[in-house]
């Protein structure tokens, strides 16, 4: 998307006017629609391009005990990535806390500050986990992907089945049944295939 339009103006100069036009058009065909709008966030093609740029590098999403959900993606411009996430968080419900940081060419977004701290620290990494390495070998995931997901089924099953406390890594009485479970790996390729 060109950042500047043929008349020399920017997409952001027209964002609100176009949003007004869209609402007025719907209101013409559905009278009362305009009065029912209690809030809006207008996004131009340029804004949407900034959002998709966040996920243009290699990206991973994982869930950890707590439970916490974390997204880590490679970014070229950390400051621009943070500005984009700032704008997106502004749209989110305040009841859904999101923590995020950019460092070392990465953008990390999580429901847990503890996960962000762990990413910045020298603790164990997913690439050092034997169960992860085994799942990768079994799945045949290539070294370069457009993004991947990994689920340690043994560790996640208690969370999904409600067999484990929501905090900590305590073993459950069902551990023997979960022992043989492995991991699930999925990834994207340059072709867009999964």
C-alpha atoms as a PDB file:
ATOM      1  CA  UNK A   1       0.000   0.000   0.000  1.00  0.00           C
ATOM      2  CA  UNK A   2       1.422   3.347  -1.001  1.00  0.00           C
ATOM      3  CA  UNK A   3       1.904   5.559   2.097  1.00  0.00           C
ATOM      4  CA  UNK A   4       1.031   8.621   0.020  1.00  0.00           C
ATOM      5  CA  UNK A   5      -2.011   8.938  -2.243  1.00  0.00           C
ATOM      6  CA  UNK A   6      -1.841  10.456  -5.755  1.00  0.00           C
ATOM      7  CA  UNK A   7      -2.974  13.860  -4.444  1.00  0.00           C
ATOM      8  CA  UNK A   8      -0.057  13.893  -1.968  1.00  0.00           C
ATOM      9  CA  UNK A   9      -2.164  13.182   1.097  1.00  0.00           C
ATOM     10  CA  UNK A  10      -1.671  10.207   3.437  1.00  0.00           C
ATOM     11  CA  UNK A  11      -4.165   7.440   4.198  1.00  0.00           C
ATOM     12  CA  UNK A  12      -4.385   8.710   7.753  1.00  0.00           C
ATOM     13  CA  UNK A  13      -5.701  12.045   6.434  1.00  0.00           C
ATOM     14  CA  UNK A  14      -8.800  10.254   5.090  1.00  0.00           C
ATOM     15  CA  UNK A  15      -9.366   7.549   7.697  1.00  0.00           C
ATOM     16  CA  UNK A  16     -12.134   9.257   9.693  1.00  0.00           C
ATOM     17  CA  UNK A  17     -13.881  10.704   6.634  1.00  0.00           C
ATOM     18  CA  UNK A  18     -14.051   7.278   5.002  1.00  0.00           C
ATOM     19  CA  UNK A  19     -15.341   5.727   8.251  1.00  0.00           C
ATOM     20  CA  UNK A  20     -18.072   8.402   8.394  1.00  0.00           C
ATOM     21  CA  UNK A  21     -18.975   7.680   4.766  1.00  0.00           C
ATOM     22  CA  UNK A  22     -19.228   3.952   5.461  1.00  0.00           C
ATOM     23  CA  UNK A  23     -21.477   4.445   8.483  1.00  0.00           C
ATOM     24  CA  UNK A  24     -23.664   6.944   6.587  1.00  0.00           C
ATOM     25  CA  UNK A  25     -23.989   4.489   3.680  1.00  0.00           C
ATOM     26  CA  UNK A  26     -25.094   1.641   5.963  1.00  0.00           C
ATOM     27  CA  UNK A  27     -27.477   4.036   7.751  1.00  0.00           C
ATOM     28  CA  UNK A  28     -29.144   4.861   4.413  1.00  0.00           C
ATOM     29  CA  UNK A  29     -30.060   1.187   3.939  1.00  0.00           C
ATOM     30  CA  UNK A  30     -30.546   0.368   7.633  1.00  0.00           C
ATOM     31  CA  UNK A  31     -32.042   3.473   9.261  1.00  0.00           C
ATOM     32  CA  UNK A  32     -30.949   3.874  12.867  1.00  0.00           C
ATOM     33  CA  UNK A  33     -27.594   2.151  12.344  1.00  0.00           C
ATOM     34  CA  UNK A  34     -25.620   5.361  12.852  1.00  0.00           C
ATOM     35  CA  UNK A  35     -27.384   6.075  16.142  1.00  0.00           C
ATOM     36  CA  UNK A  36     -26.568   2.547  17.368  1.00  0.00           C
ATOM     37  CA  UNK A  37     -22.799   2.963  16.943  1.00  0.00           C
ATOM     38  CA  UNK A  38     -21.324   3.495  20.403  1.00  0.00           C
ATOM     39  CA  UNK A  39     -17.663   3.489  19.378  1.00  0.00           C
ATOM     40  CA  UNK A  40     -15.412   2.815  16.451  1.00  0.00           C
ATOM     41  CA  UNK A  41     -11.815   2.473  15.423  1.00  0.00           C
ATOM     42  CA  UNK A  42     -11.145   3.429  11.827  1.00  0.00           C
ATOM     43  CA  UNK A  43      -8.229   1.646  10.193  1.00  0.00           C
ATOM     44  CA  UNK A  44      -6.880   2.587   6.806  1.00  0.00           C
ATOM     45  CA  UNK A  45      -5.138   0.189   4.402  1.00  0.00           C
ATOM     46  CA  UNK A  46      -1.880   1.642   5.698  1.00  0.00           C
ATOM     47  CA  UNK A  47      -2.881   0.778   9.302  1.00  0.00           C
ATOM     48  CA  UNK A  48      -3.771  -2.772   8.289  1.00  0.00           C
ATOM     49  CA  UNK A  49      -0.434  -3.122   6.507  1.00  0.00           C
ATOM     50  CA  UNK A  50       1.312  -2.193   9.764  1.00  0.00           C
ATOM     51  CA  UNK A  51      -0.581  -4.966  11.575  1.00  0.00           C
ATOM     52  CA  UNK A  52       0.258  -7.617   8.979  1.00  0.00           C
ATOM     53  CA  UNK A  53       3.892  -6.468   9.061  1.00  0.00           C
ATOM     54  CA  UNK A  54       4.004  -7.552  12.714  1.00  0.00           C
ATOM     55  CA  UNK A  55       3.634 -11.169  11.622  1.00  0.00           C
ATOM     56  CA  UNK A  56       5.864 -11.077   8.544  1.00  0.00           C
ATOM     57  CA  UNK A  57       8.846 -12.625  10.362  1.00  0.00           C
ATOM     58  CA  UNK A  58       9.088 -16.090  11.859  1.00  0.00           C
ATOM     59  CA  UNK A  59       6.392 -16.320  14.509  1.00  0.00           C
ATOM     60  CA  UNK A  60       5.632 -18.717  17.344  1.00  0.00           C
ATOM     61  CA  UNK A  61       2.634 -18.937  19.656  1.00  0.00           C
ATOM     62  CA  UNK A  62       2.736 -21.036  22.788  1.00  0.00           C
ATOM     63  CA  UNK A  63       0.739 -21.744  25.917  1.00  0.00           C
ATOM     64  CA  UNK A  64       2.465 -22.349  29.222  1.00  0.00           C
ATOM     65  CA  UNK A  65       1.269 -23.281  32.707  1.00  0.00           C
ATOM     66  CA  UNK A  66      -0.435 -20.435  34.461  1.00  0.00           C
ATOM     67  CA  UNK A  67      -2.063 -20.598  31.929  1.00  0.00           C
ATOM     68  CA  UNK A  68      -0.338 -18.000  29.773  1.00  0.00           C
ATOM     69  CA  UNK A  69      -0.475 -17.475  26.028  1.00  0.00           C
ATOM     70  CA  UNK A  70       2.544 -15.878  24.359  1.00  0.00           C
ATOM     71  CA  UNK A  71       3.293 -14.795  20.793  1.00  0.00           C
ATOM     72  CA  UNK A  72       6.902 -14.147  19.735  1.00  0.00           C
ATOM     73  CA  UNK A  73       7.682 -12.813  16.272  1.00  0.00           C
ATOM     74  CA  UNK A  74      10.745 -11.451  14.506  1.00  0.00           C
ATOM     75  CA  UNK A  75      10.443  -7.771  13.621  1.00  0.00           C
ATOM     76  CA  UNK A  76      12.666  -5.470  11.608  1.00  0.00           C
ATOM     77  CA  UNK A  77      11.727  -2.272  13.446  1.00  0.00           C
ATOM     78  CA  UNK A  78      11.107  -2.740  17.178  1.00  0.00           C
ATOM     79  CA  UNK A  79       9.838   0.833  17.715  1.00  0.00           C
ATOM     80  CA  UNK A  80       7.320   0.543  14.851  1.00  0.00           C
ATOM     81  CA  UNK A  81       6.163  -2.836  16.166  1.00  0.00           C
ATOM     82  CA  UNK A  82       5.559  -1.352  19.618  1.00  0.00           C
ATOM     83  CA  UNK A  83       3.592   1.569  18.141  1.00  0.00           C
ATOM     84  CA  UNK A  84       1.382  -0.868  16.242  1.00  0.00           C
ATOM     85  CA  UNK A  85       0.759  -3.012  19.319  1.00  0.00           C
ATOM     86  CA  UNK A  86       0.054   0.140  21.361  1.00  0.00           C
ATOM     87  CA  UNK A  87      -2.688   0.993  18.865  1.00  0.00           C
ATOM     88  CA  UNK A  88      -4.108  -2.545  18.899  1.00  0.00           C
ATOM     89  CA  UNK A  89      -4.094  -2.734  22.695  1.00  0.00           C
ATOM     90  CA  UNK A  90      -5.996   0.540  22.719  1.00  0.00           C
ATOM     91  CA  UNK A  91      -8.767  -1.280  20.862  1.00  0.00           C
ATOM     92  CA  UNK A  92      -8.803  -4.255  23.252  1.00  0.00           C
ATOM     93  CA  UNK A  93     -11.090  -4.746  26.195  1.00  0.00           C
ATOM     94  CA  UNK A  94      -9.383  -3.495  29.357  1.00  0.00           C
ATOM     95  CA  UNK A  95     -10.416  -6.754  31.059  1.00  0.00           C
ATOM     96  CA  UNK A  96      -7.990  -8.699  28.836  1.00  0.00           C
ATOM     97  CA  UNK A  97      -4.550  -7.699  30.138  1.00  0.00           C
ATOM     98  CA  UNK A  98      -1.813  -7.918  27.547  1.00  0.00           C
ATOM     99  CA  UNK A  99       1.871  -7.402  28.210  1.00  0.00           C
ATOM    100  CA  UNK A 100       4.340  -6.751  25.408  1.00  0.00           C
ATOM    101  CA  UNK A 101       7.963  -5.848  24.816  1.00  0.00           C
ATOM    102  CA  UNK A 102      10.379  -5.623  21.905  1.00  0.00           C
ATOM    103  CA  UNK A 103      13.994  -6.715  22.283  1.00  0.00           C
ATOM    104  CA  UNK A 104      16.723  -8.424  20.280  1.00  0.00           C
ATOM    105  CA  UNK A 105      14.740  -8.102  17.025  1.00  0.00           C
ATOM    106  CA  UNK A 106      11.696  -9.769  18.571  1.00  0.00           C
ATOM    107  CA  UNK A 107       8.229  -8.639  19.552  1.00  0.00           C
ATOM    108  CA  UNK A 108       6.794 -10.644  22.444  1.00  0.00           C
ATOM    109  CA  UNK A 109       3.123 -10.349  23.422  1.00  0.00           C
ATOM    110  CA  UNK A 110       1.823 -12.334  26.376  1.00  0.00           C
ATOM    111  CA  UNK A 111      -0.874 -12.596  28.979  1.00  0.00           C
ATOM    112  CA  UNK A 112       1.953 -13.016  31.539  1.00  0.00           C
ATOM    113  CA  UNK A 113       4.756 -10.674  32.540  1.00  0.00           C
ATOM    114  CA  UNK A 114       6.553 -13.758  33.898  1.00  0.00           C
ATOM    115  CA  UNK A 115       6.719 -15.195  30.359  1.00  0.00           C
ATOM    116  CA  UNK A 116       8.190 -11.949  28.993  1.00  0.00           C
ATOM    117  CA  UNK A 117      10.772 -11.926  31.793  1.00  0.00           C
ATOM    118  CA  UNK A 118      11.670 -15.551  30.987  1.00  0.00           C
ATOM    119  CA  UNK A 119      12.141 -14.680  27.306  1.00  0.00           C
ATOM    120  CA  UNK A 120      14.565 -11.906  28.224  1.00  0.00           C
ATOM    121  CA  UNK A 121      16.448 -14.092  30.718  1.00  0.00           C
ATOM    122  CA  UNK A 122      19.026 -16.822  30.314  1.00  0.00           C
ATOM    123  CA  UNK A 123      16.649 -19.639  31.297  1.00  0.00           C
ATOM    124  CA  UNK A 124      15.895 -22.721  29.242  1.00  0.00           C
ATOM    125  CA  UNK A 125      14.672 -22.176  25.690  1.00  0.00           C
ATOM    126  CA  UNK A 126      12.190 -24.215  23.713  1.00  0.00           C
ATOM    127  CA  UNK A 127      14.993 -25.229  21.352  1.00  0.00           C
ATOM    128  CA  UNK A 128      16.727 -26.878  24.327  1.00  0.00           C
ATOM    129  CA  UNK A 129      13.688 -28.985  25.261  1.00  0.00           C
ATOM    130  CA  UNK A 130      14.097 -32.689  24.396  1.00  0.00           C
ATOM    131  CA  UNK A 131      10.330 -33.233  23.928  1.00  0.00           C
ATOM    132  CA  UNK A 132      10.197 -30.303  21.487  1.00  0.00           C
ATOM    133  CA  UNK A 133      13.197 -31.585  19.535  1.00  0.00           C
ATOM    134  CA  UNK A 134      11.613 -35.056  19.318  1.00  0.00           C
ATOM    135  CA  UNK A 135       8.315 -33.580  18.082  1.00  0.00           C
ATOM    136  CA  UNK A 136      10.175 -31.580  15.411  1.00  0.00           C
ATOM    137  CA  UNK A 137      12.065 -34.657  14.258  1.00  0.00           C
ATOM    138  CA  UNK A 138       8.890 -36.738  14.076  1.00  0.00           C
ATOM    139  CA  UNK A 139       6.983 -34.013  12.195  1.00  0.00           C
ATOM    140  CA  UNK A 140       9.796 -33.183   9.774  1.00  0.00           C
ATOM    141  CA  UNK A 141       9.493 -29.410  10.231  1.00  0.00           C
ATOM    142  CA  UNK A 142      11.996 -27.507   8.024  1.00  0.00           C
ATOM    143  CA  UNK A 143      14.612 -25.214   9.586  1.00  0.00           C
ATOM    144  CA  UNK A 144      12.960 -22.104   8.052  1.00  0.00           C
ATOM    145  CA  UNK A 145       9.224 -21.506   8.400  1.00  0.00           C
ATOM    146  CA  UNK A 146       6.852 -18.563   8.237  1.00  0.00           C
ATOM    147  CA  UNK A 147       5.744 -19.516  11.732  1.00  0.00           C
ATOM    148  CA  UNK A 148       5.101 -22.583  13.800  1.00  0.00           C
ATOM    149  CA  UNK A 149       3.080 -23.875  16.689  1.00  0.00           C
ATOM    150  CA  UNK A 150       4.002 -26.547  19.185  1.00  0.00           C
ATOM    151  CA  UNK A 151       1.885 -28.206  21.840  1.00  0.00           C
ATOM    152  CA  UNK A 152       3.463 -30.460  24.443  1.00  0.00           C
ATOM    153  CA  UNK A 153       0.373 -32.638  24.702  1.00  0.00           C
ATOM    154  CA  UNK A 154       1.536 -34.258  27.937  1.00  0.00           C
ATOM    155  CA  UNK A 155       1.968 -30.874  29.616  1.00  0.00           C
ATOM    156  CA  UNK A 156      -1.134 -29.268  28.075  1.00  0.00           C
ATOM    157  CA  UNK A 157      -3.624 -32.105  28.586  1.00  0.00           C
ATOM    158  CA  UNK A 158      -4.138 -31.448  32.306  1.00  0.00           C
ATOM    159  CA  UNK A 159      -4.818 -27.770  31.589  1.00  0.00           C
ATOM    160  CA  UNK A 160      -7.375 -28.597  28.890  1.00  0.00           C
ATOM    161  CA  UNK A 161      -8.999 -31.392  30.881  1.00  0.00           C
ATOM    162  CA  UNK A 162      -9.125 -29.464  34.146  1.00  0.00           C
ATOM    163  CA  UNK A 163      -6.967 -32.080  35.872  1.00  0.00           C
ATOM    164  CA  UNK A 164      -4.278 -29.697  37.050  1.00  0.00           C
ATOM    165  CA  UNK A 165      -4.262 -26.585  39.167  1.00  0.00           C
ATOM    166  CA  UNK A 166      -4.160 -23.385  37.146  1.00  0.00           C
ATOM    167  CA  UNK A 167      -0.825 -22.418  38.714  1.00  0.00           C
ATOM    168  CA  UNK A 168       2.430 -24.376  38.861  1.00  0.00           C
ATOM    169  CA  UNK A 169       3.635 -27.663  37.428  1.00  0.00           C
ATOM    170  CA  UNK A 170       2.340 -30.043  40.108  1.00  0.00           C
ATOM    171  CA  UNK A 171       1.922 -33.622  38.937  1.00  0.00           C
ATOM    172  CA  UNK A 172      -1.572 -35.052  38.960  1.00  0.00           C
ATOM    173  CA  UNK A 173      -2.765 -38.547  39.760  1.00  0.00           C
ATOM    174  CA  UNK A 174      -3.338 -38.928  36.025  1.00  0.00           C
ATOM    175  CA  UNK A 175       0.359 -38.561  35.185  1.00  0.00           C
ATOM    176  CA  UNK A 176       0.813 -42.228  34.264  1.00  0.00           C
ATOM    177  CA  UNK A 177      -1.882 -41.933  31.610  1.00  0.00           C
ATOM    178  CA  UNK A 178      -0.305 -38.827  30.142  1.00  0.00           C
ATOM    179  CA  UNK A 179       3.243 -40.247  30.068  1.00  0.00           C
ATOM    180  CA  UNK A 180       3.096 -41.675  26.503  1.00  0.00           C
ATOM    181  CA  UNK A 181       1.691 -38.498  24.964  1.00  0.00           C
ATOM    182  CA  UNK A 182       4.043 -36.543  22.728  1.00  0.00           C
ATOM    183  CA  UNK A 183       3.836 -33.201  21.020  1.00  0.00           C
ATOM    184  CA  UNK A 184       1.977 -31.655  18.113  1.00  0.00           C
ATOM    185  CA  UNK A 185       3.812 -29.394  15.674  1.00  0.00           C
ATOM    186  CA  UNK A 186       2.375 -27.319  12.843  1.00  0.00           C
ATOM    187  CA  UNK A 187       4.036 -24.703  10.646  1.00  0.00           C
ATOM    188  CA  UNK A 188       3.610 -22.445   7.675  1.00  0.00           C
ATOM    189  CA  UNK A 189       5.726 -22.546   4.543  1.00  0.00           C
ATOM    190  CA  UNK A 190       6.557 -19.732   2.105  1.00  0.00           C
ATOM    191  CA  UNK A 191       3.887 -21.086  -0.220  1.00  0.00           C
ATOM    192  CA  UNK A 192       1.217 -20.341   2.348  1.00  0.00           C
ATOM    193  CA  UNK A 193       0.569 -24.039   2.886  1.00  0.00           C
ATOM    194  CA  UNK A 194       0.297 -25.497   6.390  1.00  0.00           C
END
